[in-house]
PDB file of N, CA and C in Angstrom:
ATOM      1  N   MET A   1     197.708 146.261 160.708  1.00  0.00           N
ATOM      2  CA  MET A   1     197.453 145.828 159.339  1.00  0.00           C
ATOM      3  C   MET A   1     198.772 145.482 158.637  1.00  0.00           C
ATOM      4  N   VAL A   2     199.800 146.304 158.837  1.00  0.00           N
ATOM      5  CA  VAL A   2     201.088 146.044 158.190  1.00  0.00           C
ATOM      6  C   VAL A   2     201.642 144.693 158.626  1.00  0.00           C
ATOM      7  N   GLU A   3     201.537 144.405 159.909  1.00  0.00           N
ATOM      8  CA  GLU A   3     202.031 143.127 160.420  1.00  0.00           C
ATOM      9  C   GLU A   3     201.247 141.964 159.814  1.00  0.00           C
ATOM     10  N   ALA A   4     199.938 142.100 159.756  1.00  0.00           N
ATOM     11  CA  ALA A   4     199.101 141.038 159.183  1.00  0.00           C
ATOM     12  C   ALA A   4     199.434 140.824 157.709  1.00  0.00           C
ATOM     13  N   LEU A   5     199.635 141.902 156.983  1.00  0.00           N
ATOM     14  CA  LEU A   5     199.966 141.790 155.561  1.00  0.00           C
ATOM     15  C   LEU A   5     201.335 141.163 155.357  1.00  0.00           C
ATOM     16  N   SER A   6     202.286 141.519 156.201  1.00  0.00           N
ATOM     17  CA  SER A   6     203.634 140.983 156.023  1.00  0.00           C
ATOM     18  C   SER A   6     203.717 139.506 156.394  1.00  0.00           C
ATOM     19  N   LYS A   7     202.873 139.052 157.309  1.00  0.00           N
ATOM     20  CA  LYS A   7     202.880 137.632 157.689  1.00  0.00           C
ATOM     21  C   LYS A   7     202.168 136.788 156.643  1.00  0.00           C
ATOM     22  N   ASP A   8     200.939 137.138 156.319  1.00  0.00           N
ATOM     23  CA  ASP A   8     200.148 136.403 155.336  1.00  0.00           C
ATOM     24  C   ASP A   8     198.925 137.241 154.994  1.00  0.00           C
ATOM     25  N   TYR A   9     198.967 137.897 153.856  1.00  0.00           N
ATOM     26  CA  TYR A   9     197.871 138.808 153.486  1.00  0.00           C
ATOM     27  C   TYR A   9     196.522 138.087 153.450  1.00  0.00           C
ATOM     28  N   ARG A  10     196.544 136.776 153.218  1.00  0.00           N
ATOM     29  CA  ARG A  10     195.283 136.038 153.138  1.00  0.00           C
ATOM     30  C   ARG A  10     194.565 135.970 154.478  1.00  0.00           C
ATOM     31  N   GLN A  11     195.302 136.199 155.553  1.00  0.00           N
ATOM     32  CA  GLN A  11     194.708 136.196 156.893  1.00  0.00           C
ATOM     33  C   GLN A  11     194.313 137.596 157.358  1.00  0.00           C
ATOM     34  N   ALA A  12     194.710 138.620 156.619  1.00  0.00           N
ATOM     35  CA  ALA A  12     194.405 140.000 156.988  1.00  0.00           C
ATOM     36  C   ALA A  12     192.953 140.331 156.646  1.00  0.00           C
ATOM     37  N   GLN A  13     192.394 141.274 157.361  1.00  0.00           N
ATOM     38  CA  GLN A  13     191.027 141.720 157.087  1.00  0.00           C
ATOM     39  C   GLN A  13     191.072 142.743 155.958  1.00  0.00           C
ATOM     40  N   LEU A  14     190.826 142.269 154.754  1.00  0.00           N
ATOM     41  CA  LEU A  14     190.885 143.111 153.556  1.00  0.00           C
ATOM     42  C   LEU A  14     189.518 143.166 152.892  1.00  0.00           C
ATOM     43  N   ASN A  15     189.277 144.259 152.182  1.00  0.00           N
ATOM     44  CA  ASN A  15     188.066 144.318 151.388  1.00  0.00           C
ATOM     45  C   ASN A  15     188.261 143.495 150.114  1.00  0.00           C
ATOM     46  N   ASN A  16     187.189 143.239 149.388  1.00  0.00           N
ATOM     47  CA  ASN A  16     187.256 142.402 148.178  1.00  0.00           C
ATOM     48  C   ASN A  16     188.182 142.978 147.126  1.00  0.00           C
ATOM     49  N   PHE A  17     188.206 144.298 146.993  1.00  0.00           N
ATOM     50  CA  PHE A  17     189.054 144.976 146.014  1.00  0.00           C
ATOM     51  C   PHE A  17     190.524 144.645 146.282  1.00  0.00           C
ATOM     52  N   ASP A  18     190.971 144.878 147.513  1.00  0.00           N
ATOM     53  CA  ASP A  18     192.374 144.658 147.856  1.00  0.00           C
ATOM     54  C   ASP A  18     192.753 143.179 147.792  1.00  0.00           C
ATOM     55  N   ARG A  19     191.856 142.313 148.258  1.00  0.00           N
ATOM     56  CA  ARG A  19     192.155 140.878 148.217  1.00  0.00           C
ATOM     57  C   ARG A  19     192.281 140.388 146.776  1.00  0.00           C
ATOM     58  N   ALA A  20     191.386 140.815 145.899  1.00  0.00           N
ATOM     59  CA  ALA A  20     191.461 140.404 144.490  1.00  0.00           C
ATOM     60  C   ALA A  20     192.752 140.903 143.850  1.00  0.00           C
ATOM     61  N   MET A  21     193.129 142.129 144.164  1.00  0.00           N
ATOM     62  CA  MET A  21     194.355 142.701 143.616  1.00  0.00           C
ATOM     63  C   MET A  21     195.578 141.894 144.080  1.00  0.00           C
ATOM     64  N   LEU A  22     195.637 141.577 145.363  1.00  0.00           N
ATOM     65  CA  LEU A  22     196.772 140.822 145.893  1.00  0.00           C
ATOM     66  C   LEU A  22     196.780 139.381 145.391  1.00  0.00           C
ATOM     67  N   ASP A  23     195.608 138.747 145.309  1.00  0.00           N
ATOM     68  CA  ASP A  23     195.542 137.387 144.767  1.00  0.00           C
ATOM     69  C   ASP A  23     196.082 137.351 143.344  1.00  0.00           C
ATOM     70  N   TYR A  24     195.699 138.339 142.542  1.00  0.00           N
ATOM     71  CA  TYR A  24     196.158 138.420 141.154  1.00  0.00           C
ATOM     72  C   TYR A  24     197.674 138.607 141.110  1.00  0.00           C
ATOM     73  N   ALA A  25     198.187 139.540 141.899  1.00  0.00           N
ATOM     74  CA  ALA A  25     199.626 139.830 141.898  1.00  0.00           C
ATOM     75  C   ALA A  25     200.434 138.613 142.328  1.00  0.00           C
ATOM     76  N   VAL A  26     199.963 137.905 143.331  1.00  0.00           N
ATOM     77  CA  VAL A  26     200.680 136.714 143.804  1.00  0.00           C
ATOM     78  C   VAL A  26     200.660 135.623 142.736  1.00  0.00           C
ATOM     79  N   LYS A  27     199.503 135.390 142.137  1.00  0.00           N
ATOM     80  CA  LYS A  27     199.419 134.350 141.106  1.00  0.00           C
ATOM     81  C   LYS A  27     200.291 134.713 139.906  1.00  0.00           C
ATOM     82  N   LEU A  28     200.251 135.971 139.491  1.00  0.00           N
ATOM     83  CA  LEU A  28     201.063 136.409 138.357  1.00  0.00           C
ATOM     84  C   LEU A  28     202.549 136.263 138.660  1.00  0.00           C
ATOM     85  N   THR A  29     202.929 136.495 139.896  1.00  0.00           N
ATOM     86  CA  THR A  29     204.329 136.393 140.294  1.00  0.00           C
ATOM     87  C   THR A  29     204.778 134.941 140.412  1.00  0.00           C
ATOM     88  N   ARG A  30     203.963 134.113 141.026  1.00  0.00           N
ATOM     89  CA  ARG A  30     204.372 132.728 141.315  1.00  0.00           C
ATOM     90  C   ARG A  30     204.089 131.749 140.185  1.00  0.00           C
ATOM     91  N   GLU A  31     202.989 131.940 139.463  1.00  0.00           N
ATOM     92  CA  GLU A  31     202.574 130.987 138.424  1.00  0.00           C
ATOM     93  C   GLU A  31     202.003 131.718 137.210  1.00  0.00           C
ATOM     94  N   PRO A  32     202.793 132.534 136.552  1.00  0.00           N
ATOM     95  CA  PRO A  32     202.245 133.344 135.452  1.00  0.00           C
ATOM     96  C   PRO A  32     201.657 132.522 134.308  1.00  0.00           C
ATOM     97  N   TRP A  33     202.135 131.308 134.126  1.00  0.00           N
ATOM     98  CA  TRP A  33     201.642 130.453 133.046  1.00  0.00           C
ATOM     99  C   TRP A  33     200.228 129.948 133.286  1.00  0.00           C
ATOM    100  N   THR A  34     199.706 130.141 134.513  1.00  0.00           N
ATOM    101  CA  THR A  34     198.360 129.661 134.822  1.00  0.00           C
ATOM    102  C   THR A  34     197.300 130.759 134.717  1.00  0.00           C
ATOM    103  N   MET A  35     197.693 131.962 134.355  1.00  0.00           N
ATOM    104  CA  MET A  35     196.741 133.075 134.278  1.00  0.00           C
ATOM    105  C   MET A  35     195.723 132.826 133.163  1.00  0.00           C
ATOM    106  N   THR A  36     194.464 133.164 133.460  1.00  0.00           N
ATOM    107  CA  THR A  36     193.396 133.025 132.473  1.00  0.00           C
ATOM    108  C   THR A  36     192.513 134.272 132.497  1.00  0.00           C
ATOM    109  N   GLU A  37     191.587 134.331 131.580  1.00  0.00           N
ATOM    110  CA  GLU A  37     190.621 135.437 131.546  1.00  0.00           C
ATOM    111  C   GLU A  37     189.827 135.496 132.851  1.00  0.00           C
ATOM    112  N   ASN A  38     189.632 134.360 133.476  1.00  0.00           N
ATOM    113  CA  ASN A  38     188.902 134.329 134.736  1.00  0.00           C
ATOM    114  C   ASN A  38     189.598 135.176 135.812  1.00  0.00           C
ATOM    115  N   ASP A  39     190.913 135.224 135.806  1.00  0.00           N
ATOM    116  CA  ASP A  39     191.639 136.045 136.780  1.00  0.00           C
ATOM    117  C   ASP A  39     191.282 137.521 136.622  1.00  0.00           C
ATOM    118  N   ILE A  40     191.088 137.942 135.396  1.00  0.00           N
ATOM    119  CA  ILE A  40     190.678 139.325 135.121  1.00  0.00           C
ATOM    120  C   ILE A  40     189.231 139.529 135.570  1.00  0.00           C
ATOM    121  N   GLU A  41     188.384 138.563 135.292  1.00  0.00           N
ATOM    122  CA  GLU A  41     186.970 138.677 135.667  1.00  0.00           C
ATOM    123  C   GLU A  41     186.794 138.745 137.185  1.00  0.00           C
ATOM    124  N   VAL A  42     187.593 137.993 137.915  1.00  0.00           N
ATOM    125  CA  VAL A  42     187.537 138.046 139.384  1.00  0.00           C
ATOM    126  C   VAL A  42     187.852 139.468 139.850  1.00  0.00           C
ATOM    127  N   MET A  43     188.853 140.081 139.240  1.00  0.00           N
ATOM    128  CA  MET A  43     189.208 141.445 139.615  1.00  0.00           C
ATOM    129  C   MET A  43     188.077 142.425 139.268  1.00  0.00           C
ATOM    130  N   ARG A  44     187.476 142.256 138.110  1.00  0.00           N
ATOM    131  CA  ARG A  44     186.360 143.134 137.717  1.00  0.00           C
ATOM    132  C   ARG A  44     185.186 142.996 138.692  1.00  0.00           C
ATOM    133  N   ARG A  45     184.869 141.765 139.061  1.00  0.00           N
ATOM    134  CA  ARG A  45     183.766 141.549 140.002  1.00  0.00           C
ATOM    135  C   ARG A  45     184.064 142.164 141.370  1.00  0.00           C
ATOM    136  N   ALA A  46     185.337 142.287 141.709  1.00  0.00           N
ATOM    137  CA  ALA A  46     185.727 142.891 142.987  1.00  0.00           C
ATOM    138  C   ALA A  46     185.763 144.416 142.915  1.00  0.00           C
ATOM    139  N   GLY A  47     185.500 144.960 141.716  1.00  0.00           N
ATOM    140  CA  GLY A  47     185.416 146.409 141.586  1.00  0.00           C
ATOM    141  C   GLY A  47     186.593 147.087 140.912  1.00  0.00           C
ATOM    142  N   LEU A  48     187.562 146.339 140.426  1.00  0.00           N
ATOM    143  CA  LEU A  48     188.694 146.949 139.730  1.00  0.00           C
ATOM    144  C   LEU A  48     188.291 147.251 138.293  1.00  0.00           C
ATOM    145  N   ASP A  49     188.594 148.443 137.846  1.00  0.00           N
ATOM    146  CA  ASP A  49     188.346 148.788 136.448  1.00  0.00           C
ATOM    147  C   ASP A  49     189.580 148.416 135.627  1.00  0.00           C
ATOM    148  N   ASP A  50     189.509 148.632 134.311  1.00  0.00           N
ATOM    149  CA  ASP A  50     190.610 148.230 133.436  1.00  0.00           C
ATOM    150  C   ASP A  50     191.923 148.909 133.824  1.00  0.00           C
ATOM    151  N   GLN A  51     191.871 150.175 134.235  1.00  0.00           N
ATOM    152  CA  GLN A  51     193.091 150.889 134.617  1.00  0.00           C
ATOM    153  C   GLN A  51     193.714 150.263 135.867  1.00  0.00           C
ATOM    154  N   ALA A  52     192.897 149.924 136.852  1.00  0.00           N
ATOM    155  CA  ALA A  52     193.415 149.299 138.079  1.00  0.00           C
ATOM    156  C   ALA A  52     193.994 147.919 137.790  1.00  0.00           C
ATOM    157  N   ILE A  53     193.369 147.189 136.890  1.00  0.00           N
ATOM    158  CA  ILE A  53     193.883 145.863 136.509  1.00  0.00           C
ATOM    159  C   ILE A  53     195.216 146.014 135.804  1.00  0.00           C
ATOM    160  N   LEU A  54     195.295 146.947 134.868  1.00  0.00           N
ATOM    161  CA  LEU A  54     196.556 147.194 134.167  1.00  0.00           C
ATOM    162  C   LEU A  54     197.634 147.637 135.145  1.00  0.00           C
ATOM    163  N   ASP A  55     197.308 148.542 136.058  1.00  0.00           N
ATOM    164  CA  ASP A  55     198.284 149.009 137.046  1.00  0.00           C
ATOM    165  C   ASP A  55     198.803 147.850 137.893  1.00  0.00           C
ATOM    166  N   THR A  56     197.914 146.975 138.320  1.00  0.00           N
ATOM    167  CA  THR A  56     198.310 145.821 139.120  1.00  0.00           C
ATOM    168  C   THR A  56     199.244 144.917 138.325  1.00  0.00           C
ATOM    169  N   ASN A  57     198.918 144.704 137.066  1.00  0.00           N
ATOM    170  CA  ASN A  57     199.739 143.879 136.196  1.00  0.00           C
ATOM    171  C   ASN A  57     201.117 144.511 135.987  1.00  0.00           C
ATOM    172  N   LEU A  58     201.151 145.798 135.701  1.00  0.00           N
ATOM    173  CA  LEU A  58     202.415 146.475 135.438  1.00  0.00           C
ATOM    174  C   LEU A  58     203.313 146.513 136.667  1.00  0.00           C
ATOM    175  N   VAL A  59     202.758 146.840 137.815  1.00  0.00           N
ATOM    176  CA  VAL A  59     203.556 146.893 139.039  1.00  0.00           C
ATOM    177  C   VAL A  59     204.085 145.504 139.387  1.00  0.00           C
ATOM    178  N   SER A  60     203.254 144.489 139.273  1.00  0.00           N
ATOM    179  CA  SER A  60     203.693 143.118 139.572  1.00  0.00           C
ATOM    180  C   SER A  60     204.796 142.679 138.618  1.00  0.00           C
ATOM    181  N   GLY A  61     204.601 142.943 137.342  1.00  0.00           N
ATOM    182  CA  GLY A  61     205.595 142.565 136.342  1.00  0.00           C
ATOM    183  C   GLY A  61     206.901 143.328 136.511  1.00  0.00           C
ATOM    184  N   TYR A  62     206.817 144.619 136.807  1.00  0.00           N
ATOM    185  CA  TYR A  62     208.017 145.429 136.995  1.00  0.00           C
ATOM    186  C   TYR A  62     208.801 144.955 138.214  1.00  0.00           C
ATOM    187  N   TYR A  63     208.104 144.672 139.309  1.00  0.00           N
ATOM    188  CA  TYR A  63     208.749 144.192 140.531  1.00  0.00           C
ATOM    189  C   TYR A  63     209.491 142.883 140.252  1.00  0.00           C
ATOM    190  N   ALA A  64     208.847 141.970 139.542  1.00  0.00           N
ATOM    191  CA  ALA A  64     209.480 140.695 139.203  1.00  0.00           C
ATOM    192  C   ALA A  64     210.708 140.927 138.325  1.00  0.00           C
ATOM    193  N   PHE A  65     210.586 141.820 137.357  1.00  0.00           N
ATOM    194  CA  PHE A  65     211.686 142.135 136.443  1.00  0.00           C
ATOM    195  C   PHE A  65     212.889 142.686 137.204  1.00  0.00           C
ATOM    196  N   VAL A  66     212.660 143.667 138.062  1.00  0.00           N
ATOM    197  CA  VAL A  66     213.748 144.297 138.804  1.00  0.00           C
ATOM    198  C   VAL A  66     214.411 143.299 139.747  1.00  0.00           C
ATOM    199  N   ASN A  67     213.618 142.463 140.397  1.00  0.00           N
ATOM    200  CA  ASN A  67     214.199 141.462 141.284  1.00  0.00           C
ATOM    201  C   ASN A  67     215.056 140.464 140.523  1.00  0.00           C
ATOM    202  N   ARG A  68     214.616 140.061 139.342  1.00  0.00           N
ATOM    203  CA  ARG A  68     215.410 139.123 138.553  1.00  0.00           C
ATOM    204  C   ARG A  68     216.694 139.775 138.064  1.00  0.00           C
ATOM    205  N   LEU A  69     216.638 141.040 137.719  1.00  0.00           N
ATOM    206  CA  LEU A  69     217.865 141.749 137.349  1.00  0.00           C
ATOM    207  C   LEU A  69     218.842 141.762 138.516  1.00  0.00           C
ATOM    208  N   ALA A  70     218.353 142.148 139.679  1.00  0.00           N
ATOM    209  CA  ALA A  70     219.219 142.216 140.861  1.00  0.00           C
ATOM    210  C   ALA A  70     219.774 140.836 141.212  1.00  0.00           C
ATOM    211  N   ASP A  71     218.925 139.829 141.214  1.00  0.00           N
ATOM    212  CA  ASP A  71     219.384 138.476 141.528  1.00  0.00           C
ATOM    213  C   ASP A  71     220.405 137.986 140.502  1.00  0.00           C
ATOM    214  N   GLY A  72     220.135 138.248 139.236  1.00  0.00           N
ATOM    215  CA  GLY A  72     221.028 137.796 138.170  1.00  0.00           C
ATOM    216  C   GLY A  72     222.385 138.476 138.186  1.00  0.00           C
ATOM    217  N   LEU A  73     222.443 139.663 138.744  1.00  0.00           N
ATOM    218  CA  LEU A  73     223.707 140.392 138.828  1.00  0.00           C
ATOM    219  C   LEU A  73     224.362 140.275 140.197  1.00  0.00           C
ATOM    220  N   GLY A  74     223.716 139.547 141.102  1.00  0.00           N
ATOM    221  CA  GLY A  74     224.282 139.357 142.428  1.00  0.00           C
ATOM    222  C   GLY A  74     224.235 140.598 143.296  1.00  0.00           C
ATOM    223  N   VAL A  75     223.274 141.457 143.051  1.00  0.00           N
ATOM    224  CA  VAL A  75     223.154 142.687 143.825  1.00  0.00           C
ATOM    225  C   VAL A  75     222.690 142.353 145.238  1.00  0.00           C
ATOM    226  N   GLU A  76     223.429 142.863 146.216  1.00  0.00           N
ATOM    227  CA  GLU A  76     223.050 142.698 147.614  1.00  0.00           C
ATOM    228  C   GLU A  76     222.187 143.880 148.021  1.00  0.00           C
ATOM    229  N   LEU A  77     221.036 143.608 148.608  1.00  0.00           N
ATOM    230  CA  LEU A  77     220.156 144.674 149.050  1.00  0.00           C
ATOM    231  C   LEU A  77     220.512 145.090 150.463  1.00  0.00           C
ATOM    232  N   GLU A  78     220.316 146.364 150.738  1.00  0.00           N
ATOM    233  CA  GLU A  78     220.559 146.860 152.082  1.00  0.00           C
ATOM    234  C   GLU A  78     219.490 146.326 153.020  1.00  0.00           C
ATOM    235  N   ASP A  79     219.863 146.144 154.288  1.00  0.00           N
ATOM    236  CA  ASP A  79     218.902 145.731 155.306  1.00  0.00           C
ATOM    237  C   ASP A  79     217.961 146.895 155.555  1.00  0.00           C
ATOM    238  N   PHE A  80     216.686 146.685 155.356  1.00  0.00           N
ATOM    239  CA  PHE A  80     215.702 147.762 155.447  1.00  0.00           C
ATOM    240  C   PHE A  80     214.588 147.340 156.379  1.00  0.00           C
ATOM    241  N   HIS A  81     214.296 148.184 157.349  1.00  0.00           N
ATOM    242  CA  HIS A  81     213.222 147.888 158.305  1.00  0.00           C
ATOM    243  C   HIS A  81     212.262 149.054 158.352  1.00  0.00           C
ATOM    244  N   LEU A  82     210.990 148.746 158.300  1.00  0.00           N
ATOM    245  CA  LEU A  82     209.965 149.759 158.490  1.00  0.00           C
ATOM    246  C   LEU A  82     209.660 149.859 159.982  1.00  0.00           C
ATOM    247  N   GLU A  83     209.759 151.038 160.506  1.00  0.00           N
ATOM    248  CA  GLU A  83     209.429 151.227 161.907  1.00  0.00           C
ATOM    249  C   GLU A  83     208.429 152.361 162.017  1.00  0.00           C
ATOM    250  N   ALA A  84     207.449 152.137 162.837  1.00  0.00           N
ATOM    251  CA  ALA A  84     206.445 153.185 163.063  1.00  0.00           C
ATOM    252  C   ALA A  84     207.085 154.318 163.844  1.00  0.00           C
ATOM    253  N   LYS A  85     206.838 155.524 163.394  1.00  0.00           N
ATOM    254  CA  LYS A  85     207.354 156.689 164.107  1.00  0.00           C
ATOM    255  C   LYS A  85     206.468 156.975 165.306  1.00  0.00           C
ATOM    256  N   GLU A  86     207.106 157.242 166.417  1.00  0.00           N
ATOM    257  CA  GLU A  86     206.349 157.606 167.596  1.00  0.00           C
ATOM    258  C   GLU A  86     206.170 159.106 167.593  1.00  0.00           C
ATOM    259  N   GLU A  87     204.964 159.540 167.880  1.00  0.00           N
ATOM    260  CA  GLU A  87     204.682 160.975 167.897  1.00  0.00           C
ATOM    261  C   GLU A  87     204.267 161.419 169.262  1.00  0.00           C
TER     262      GLU A  87
END
């Protein structure tokens, strides 16, 4: 699942809740000026309540904010790799 999400979440096998949440976050990140009430309604129809919608909005907005701060200050990020632990 992690590999599918990292390549293209739209191709991953997700439930409606997760897909609506990710679609909203991507649209808000890439084209915030195109957001409409319909984007909220899509999330509600997928089962997100007002708190989940707000959380998605806040996390997406915060991530964008922090990245712009880092980019604007020329902050270099450390090379980070997720590796599955073998047990």
